[in-house]
Amino acid sequence: MKPERDTSEAVTAARARVAGVAAAEWQRTVAPPRRAAEDPPLVRWTLTFLAVGIITVLIIIPVVNVFYQALADGLGAYWAALTDPPNLSAIQTTLIVVPIAVAANTVFGLAAAWAIARFDFPGRTLLITLIDLPFAVSPVVAGLIFMLLFGLQGYLGPWLRAHDIEIVFALPGLVLATAFVTFPFVARELIPVMEAIGADEELAAISLGANGWQMFWRITLPSIKWGLLYGIILCNARAMGEYGAVYVVSGRIIGETQTIPLRVNQLYENNQNTASFALASVLTLLALLTLFVKVILERKKTAELAAAARKKPKE
């Protein structure tokens, strides 16, 4: 009976630890802030005015202007611009590239976060540094790297051409470039979450006879779901707007390798303002949808953390 008692104590300790993390997170996100009346009125109004002014100038006015310019010639011209074959192709290409890149980065982020948060191994610091590399490297430089690797004059170019494999100036190149510039987001969201939660519950599940998949689906995933969802949302938002790396590797072939940002830039340079802003409005709507989903998830997370804090076992 001793092993069963030890296992029960391990499970209880693990649950208490998770509840403590949840309570701390709840205090950080739900606890009421310091009352504004404690600050001098001049400070309150100055900071409020500055915040509202900056948001208005940098966010609200540009967003409103995008839709105003898109609809300036009427709904007919707006719809005609969206249904133009090259523009439709750009939308379709974006909707193909982004999910593939996000899915790949989700798998990579889970694997990397698990390895970094759960194990100590040679090269761990190097792996963390490499994860942050896309934040430091210009997207244009990243695109040039792929050109040097997979271009016709690159290291692998002759072999790829001999085997009739297309990477650059084709859909695989767009996916690679987009995945490269966005792959830190999921991992960077999950690493601190998994480190804070710890491995106690997972070890308890293994000691009770759970296999790896059961442990992941029933213990790990419910504990990290909010961090994972935030990482996916950020990754998706960044992937939709990617321009620099995709610009280099795509070749900007009309109807084949143009994404929405590339097509918007080309239309604007050709003084096709209605079509340019029409496509930009699609990208803006996708961004607003992403923001809306993020707000809903934050509210659900707040409610769940509050419930977890109320159920915290008394010590």
Protein backbone atom coordinates (compact mmCIF):
# COMPACT_ATOMS: atom_id res chain seq x y z
CA MET A 1 0.00 0.00 0.00
CA LYS A 2 2.95 2.36 0.41
CA PRO A 3 3.43 3.03 -3.35
CA GLU A 4 -0.26 3.98 -3.67
CA ARG A 5 0.06 6.40 -0.72
CA ASP A 6 3.18 7.97 -2.25
CA THR A 7 1.44 8.35 -5.59
CA SER A 8 -1.59 9.95 -3.95
CA GLU A 9 0.64 12.40 -2.10
CA ALA A 10 2.46 13.24 -5.34
CA VAL A 11 -0.82 13.92 -7.14
CA THR A 12 -2.07 16.09 -4.27
CA ALA A 13 1.16 18.07 -4.18
CA ALA A 14 1.11 18.54 -7.95
CA ARG A 15 -2.47 19.79 -7.92
CA ALA A 16 -1.70 22.18 -5.07
CA ARG A 17 1.24 23.55 -7.03
CA VAL A 18 -0.85 24.09 -10.15
CA ALA A 19 -3.58 25.74 -8.07
CA GLY A 20 -0.94 28.05 -6.57
CA VAL A 21 0.27 29.05 -10.04
CA ALA A 22 -3.34 29.66 -11.10
CA ALA A 23 -3.99 31.78 -8.00
CA ALA A 24 -0.90 33.89 -8.64
CA GLU A 25 -1.93 34.37 -12.27
CA TRP A 26 -5.44 35.28 -11.18
CA GLN A 27 -4.10 37.87 -8.76
CA ARG A 28 -2.03 39.35 -11.58
CA THR A 29 -4.82 39.48 -14.17
CA VAL A 30 -8.01 39.82 -12.13
CA ALA A 31 -7.03 41.69 -8.99
CA PRO A 32 -8.35 45.28 -9.03
CA PRO A 33 -5.75 47.89 -9.99
CA ARG A 34 -4.79 50.82 -7.83
CA ARG A 35 -7.54 53.42 -7.80
CA ALA A 36 -7.03 56.27 -10.23
CA ALA A 37 -8.01 58.74 -7.52
CA GLU A 38 -4.66 58.10 -5.86
CA ASP A 39 -2.86 59.92 -8.69
CA PRO A 40 -2.95 63.71 -9.18
CA PRO A 41 -5.59 64.78 -11.74
CA LEU A 42 -2.98 66.38 -13.97
CA VAL A 43 -1.05 63.13 -14.22
CA ARG A 44 -4.20 61.10 -14.91
CA TRP A 45 -5.50 63.35 -17.64
CA THR A 46 -2.10 63.85 -19.26
CA LEU A 47 -1.36 60.13 -19.49
CA THR A 48 -4.90 59.38 -20.67
CA PHE A 49 -4.71 62.06 -23.36
CA LEU A 50 -1.33 60.82 -24.56
CA ALA A 51 -2.49 57.20 -24.71
CA VAL A 52 -5.69 58.04 -26.57
CA GLY A 53 -3.86 60.39 -28.92
CA ILE A 54 -1.19 57.84 -29.82
CA ILE A 55 -3.75 55.07 -30.36
CA THR A 56 -5.87 57.39 -32.50
CA VAL A 57 -3.01 58.54 -34.70
CA LEU A 58 -1.20 55.21 -35.08
CA ILE A 59 -4.12 52.75 -35.11
CA ILE A 60 -7.64 54.14 -35.40
CA ILE A 61 -7.10 56.69 -38.18
CA PRO A 62 -5.06 54.32 -40.43
CA VAL A 63 -7.61 51.51 -40.00
CA VAL A 64 -10.55 53.79 -40.77
CA ASN A 65 -8.69 55.25 -43.74
CA VAL A 66 -8.10 51.77 -45.20
CA PHE A 67 -11.84 51.09 -45.35
CA TYR A 68 -12.64 54.63 -46.49
CA GLN A 69 -10.24 54.39 -49.42
CA ALA A 70 -11.40 50.87 -50.26
CA LEU A 71 -15.04 51.99 -50.49
CA ALA A 72 -14.37 55.43 -52.00
CA ASP A 73 -15.55 54.32 -55.47
CA GLY A 74 -18.55 52.38 -54.19
CA LEU A 75 -19.36 48.80 -53.31
CA GLY A 76 -19.36 47.77 -56.99
CA ALA A 77 -15.75 48.83 -57.50
CA TYR A 78 -14.80 47.28 -54.17
CA TRP A 79 -16.31 43.92 -55.08
CA ALA A 80 -14.83 44.04 -58.57
CA ALA A 81 -11.39 44.61 -57.07
CA LEU A 82 -11.74 41.68 -54.70
CA THR A 83 -12.98 39.30 -57.40
CA ASP A 84 -10.26 40.21 -59.90
CA PRO A 85 -8.45 36.90 -60.64
CA PRO A 86 -4.94 38.03 -59.59
CA ASN A 87 -6.35 39.44 -56.35
CA LEU A 88 -8.33 36.29 -55.65
CA SER A 89 -5.19 34.28 -56.29
CA ALA A 90 -3.28 36.39 -53.74
CA ILE A 91 -6.01 35.77 -51.16
CA GLN A 92 -6.01 32.03 -51.86
CA THR A 93 -2.22 31.82 -51.67
CA THR A 94 -2.23 33.59 -48.30
CA LEU A 95 -4.93 31.26 -46.97
CA ILE A 96 -2.82 28.27 -48.03
CA VAL A 97 0.58 29.46 -46.82
CA VAL A 98 -0.47 30.79 -43.41
CA PRO A 99 -2.20 27.63 -42.04
CA ILE A 100 0.70 25.42 -43.14
CA ALA A 101 3.27 27.70 -41.51
CA VAL A 102 1.21 28.03 -38.32
CA ALA A 103 0.67 24.26 -38.07
CA ALA A 104 4.40 23.60 -38.54
CA ASN A 105 5.33 26.18 -35.91
CA THR A 106 2.77 24.77 -33.48
CA VAL A 107 4.35 21.32 -33.67
CA PHE A 108 7.85 22.78 -33.41
CA GLY A 109 6.87 25.09 -30.56
CA LEU A 110 5.39 22.25 -28.52
CA ALA A 111 8.43 20.05 -29.06
CA ALA A 112 10.94 22.82 -28.32
CA ALA A 113 9.10 24.07 -25.23
CA TRP A 114 8.80 20.54 -23.87
CA ALA A 115 12.50 19.85 -24.38
CA ILE A 116 13.62 23.18 -22.86
CA ALA A 117 11.22 23.20 -19.91
CA ARG A 118 11.52 19.54 -18.95
CA PHE A 119 15.14 18.56 -19.65
CA ASP A 120 18.68 19.78 -19.14
CA PHE A 121 20.87 18.80 -22.08
CA PRO A 122 23.99 20.03 -23.89
CA GLY A 123 23.03 22.76 -26.34
CA ARG A 124 19.93 23.88 -24.42
CA THR A 125 21.10 27.49 -24.33
CA LEU A 126 22.00 27.33 -28.00
CA LEU A 127 18.51 26.05 -28.85
CA ILE A 128 16.92 28.96 -26.97
CA THR A 129 19.16 31.38 -28.84
CA LEU A 130 18.29 29.85 -32.19
CA ILE A 131 14.58 30.11 -31.40
CA ASP A 132 15.03 33.86 -30.94
CA LEU A 133 17.10 34.23 -34.13
CA PRO A 134 14.20 35.37 -36.38
CA PHE A 135 13.58 38.26 -33.97
CA ALA A 136 17.12 39.52 -34.61
CA VAL A 137 17.50 38.74 -38.32
CA SER A 138 15.81 40.95 -40.89
CA PRO A 139 13.14 39.10 -42.90
CA VAL A 140 14.86 40.25 -46.10
CA VAL A 141 18.09 38.62 -44.92
CA ALA A 142 16.14 35.45 -44.13
CA GLY A 143 14.78 35.46 -47.68
CA LEU A 144 18.29 35.86 -49.06
CA ILE A 145 19.44 32.89 -46.99
CA PHE A 146 16.78 30.72 -48.62
CA MET A 147 17.81 32.02 -52.03
CA LEU A 148 21.43 31.06 -51.32
CA LEU A 149 20.31 27.60 -50.27
CA PHE A 150 17.56 26.74 -52.75
CA GLY A 151 17.98 29.23 -55.63
CA LEU A 152 19.15 28.16 -59.06
CA GLN A 153 22.63 29.47 -58.23
CA GLY A 154 22.48 28.33 -54.61
CA TYR A 155 24.10 25.38 -52.85
CA LEU A 156 21.22 23.00 -53.46
CA GLY A 157 19.89 24.67 -56.59
CA PRO A 158 21.50 22.37 -59.21
CA TRP A 159 20.37 19.22 -57.38
CA LEU A 160 16.82 20.53 -56.96
CA ARG A 161 16.65 21.48 -60.62
CA ALA A 162 17.95 18.07 -61.70
CA HIS A 163 15.18 16.40 -59.70
CA ASP A 164 12.52 18.88 -60.86
CA ILE A 165 11.89 20.20 -57.33
CA GLU A 166 10.84 23.83 -56.95
CA ILE A 167 11.40 25.66 -53.68
CA VAL A 168 11.97 29.34 -54.40
CA PHE A 169 9.57 31.13 -56.73
CA ALA A 170 7.01 28.51 -55.71
CA LEU A 171 4.64 27.71 -52.85
CA PRO A 172 7.20 25.75 -50.74
CA GLY A 173 9.46 28.79 -50.64
CA LEU A 174 6.61 30.96 -49.37
CA VAL A 175 5.85 28.44 -46.63
CA LEU A 176 9.51 28.16 -45.58
CA ALA A 177 10.00 31.92 -45.45
CA THR A 178 6.80 32.48 -43.50
CA ALA A 179 7.53 29.63 -41.09
CA PHE A 180 11.05 30.96 -40.44
CA VAL A 181 10.00 34.47 -39.44
CA THR A 182 7.14 33.21 -37.25
CA PHE A 183 8.48 30.11 -35.52
CA PRO A 184 9.53 31.78 -32.20
CA PHE A 185 5.99 32.79 -31.23
CA VAL A 186 4.51 29.48 -30.09
CA ALA A 187 7.68 28.28 -28.37
CA ARG A 188 8.21 31.59 -26.58
CA GLU A 189 4.64 31.53 -25.24
CA LEU A 190 4.89 27.93 -24.02
CA ILE A 191 8.34 27.84 -22.40
CA PRO A 192 7.55 30.09 -19.38
CA VAL A 193 4.14 28.44 -18.92
CA MET A 194 5.61 24.93 -18.81
CA GLU A 195 8.44 26.03 -16.53
CA ALA A 196 5.96 27.62 -14.10
CA ILE A 197 3.65 24.62 -14.00
CA GLY A 198 6.43 22.10 -13.53
CA ALA A 199 6.37 18.36 -14.20
CA ASP A 200 4.83 17.07 -10.96
CA GLU A 201 1.42 16.20 -12.41
CA GLU A 202 3.00 14.57 -15.45
CA LEU A 203 5.24 12.43 -13.25
CA ALA A 204 2.25 11.49 -11.11
CA ALA A 205 0.31 10.47 -14.22
CA ILE A 206 3.20 8.31 -15.42
CA SER A 207 3.49 6.67 -12.00
CA LEU A 208 -0.23 5.84 -12.18
CA GLY A 209 0.30 4.01 -15.46
CA ALA A 210 -0.53 6.63 -18.08
CA ASN A 211 1.35 6.42 -21.37
CA GLY A 212 2.90 9.38 -23.16
CA TRP A 213 -0.16 10.30 -25.23
CA GLN A 214 -2.53 10.03 -22.27
CA MET A 215 -0.25 12.24 -20.21
CA PHE A 216 -0.05 14.84 -22.98
CA TRP A 217 -3.78 14.99 -23.80
CA ARG A 218 -5.11 14.80 -20.23
CA ILE A 219 -2.44 16.53 -18.15
CA THR A 220 -0.08 18.68 -20.21
CA LEU A 221 -2.39 20.11 -22.86
CA PRO A 222 -5.12 21.34 -20.45
CA SER A 223 -2.41 23.07 -18.40
CA ILE A 224 -0.81 24.89 -21.34
CA LYS A 225 -3.83 25.47 -23.56
CA TRP A 226 -4.00 29.24 -23.01
CA GLY A 227 -0.33 29.78 -23.74
CA LEU A 228 -0.62 27.54 -26.79
CA LEU A 229 -3.65 29.43 -28.11
CA TYR A 230 -1.96 32.81 -27.58
CA GLY A 231 1.12 31.59 -29.43
CA ILE A 232 -0.98 30.34 -32.35
CA ILE A 233 -2.86 33.66 -32.54
CA LEU A 234 0.37 35.71 -32.55
CA CYS A 235 1.95 33.37 -35.07
CA ASN A 236 -1.08 33.60 -37.35
CA ALA A 237 -1.20 37.40 -37.17
CA ARG A 238 2.51 37.70 -38.00
CA ALA A 239 2.28 35.19 -40.83
CA MET A 240 -0.61 36.98 -42.54
CA GLY A 241 1.32 40.24 -42.71
CA GLU A 242 4.74 38.85 -43.65
CA TYR A 243 6.33 40.81 -46.49
CA GLY A 244 10.15 40.96 -46.50
CA ALA A 245 11.18 37.30 -46.64
CA VAL A 246 8.27 36.37 -48.91
CA TYR A 247 9.14 39.26 -51.24
CA VAL A 248 12.61 37.80 -51.81
CA VAL A 249 11.71 34.13 -52.35
CA SER A 250 8.40 34.51 -54.19
CA GLY A 251 9.52 36.11 -57.43
CA ARG A 252 6.23 38.04 -57.20
CA ILE A 253 4.67 36.03 -60.02
CA ILE A 254 1.17 37.37 -60.61
CA GLY A 255 -1.47 34.74 -60.02
CA GLU A 256 1.01 32.22 -58.60
CA THR A 257 3.32 33.38 -55.81
CA GLN A 258 1.84 36.66 -54.65
CA THR A 259 0.40 36.89 -51.15
CA ILE A 260 -1.93 39.68 -50.06
CA PRO A 261 0.85 42.03 -48.78
CA LEU A 262 2.84 41.60 -52.01
CA ARG A 263 -0.22 42.20 -54.17
CA VAL A 264 -1.22 45.28 -52.14
CA ASN A 265 2.22 46.79 -52.65
CA GLN A 266 2.21 46.11 -56.39
CA LEU A 267 -1.26 47.59 -56.89
CA TYR A 268 -0.34 50.69 -54.90
CA GLU A 269 2.85 51.20 -56.92
CA ASN A 270 0.75 50.95 -60.10
CA ASN A 271 -1.66 53.63 -58.77
CA GLN A 272 -4.54 51.15 -58.52
CA ASN A 273 -5.61 52.60 -55.19
CA THR A 274 -9.10 51.12 -55.01
CA ALA A 275 -7.88 47.59 -55.59
CA SER A 276 -4.91 48.11 -53.29
CA PHE A 277 -7.01 49.33 -50.39
CA ALA A 278 -9.68 46.69 -51.06
CA LEU A 279 -7.10 43.95 -50.55
CA ALA A 280 -5.66 45.83 -47.58
CA SER A 281 -9.14 45.86 -46.04
CA VAL A 282 -9.25 42.07 -46.28
CA LEU A 283 -5.96 41.87 -44.39
CA THR A 284 -7.28 44.36 -41.84
CA LEU A 285 -10.46 42.34 -41.34
CA LEU A 286 -8.40 39.21 -40.74
CA ALA A 287 -6.32 41.11 -38.18
CA LEU A 288 -9.45 42.40 -36.42
CA LEU A 289 -10.86 38.88 -36.38
CA THR A 290 -7.65 37.63 -34.78
CA LEU A 291 -7.88 40.39 -32.17
CA PHE A 292 -11.52 39.50 -31.47
CA VAL A 293 -10.60 35.86 -30.89
CA LYS A 294 -7.78 36.93 -28.59
CA VAL A 295 -10.15 39.06 -26.49
CA ILE A 296 -12.60 36.15 -26.13
CA LEU A 297 -9.82 33.80 -25.07
CA GLU A 298 -8.53 36.29 -22.52
CA ARG A 299 -11.99 36.55 -20.96
CA LYS A 300 -12.32 32.79 -20.77
CA LYS A 301 -8.85 32.53 -19.27
CA THR A 302 -9.68 35.15 -16.64
CA ALA A 303 -12.88 33.34 -15.69
CA GLU A 304 -11.08 29.99 -15.49
CA LEU A 305 -8.25 31.37 -13.37
CA ALA A 306 -10.74 33.03 -11.03
CA ALA A 307 -12.57 29.73 -10.63
CA ALA A 308 -9.30 27.89 -9.98
CA ALA A 309 -8.30 30.46 -7.35
CA ARG A 310 -11.61 30.03 -5.53
CA LYS A 311 -11.11 26.27 -5.47
CA LYS A 312 -7.54 26.52 -4.15
CA PRO A 313 -7.10 23.98 -1.36
CA LYS A 314 -6.57 25.39 2.10
CA GLU A 315 -3.04 24.83 3.35
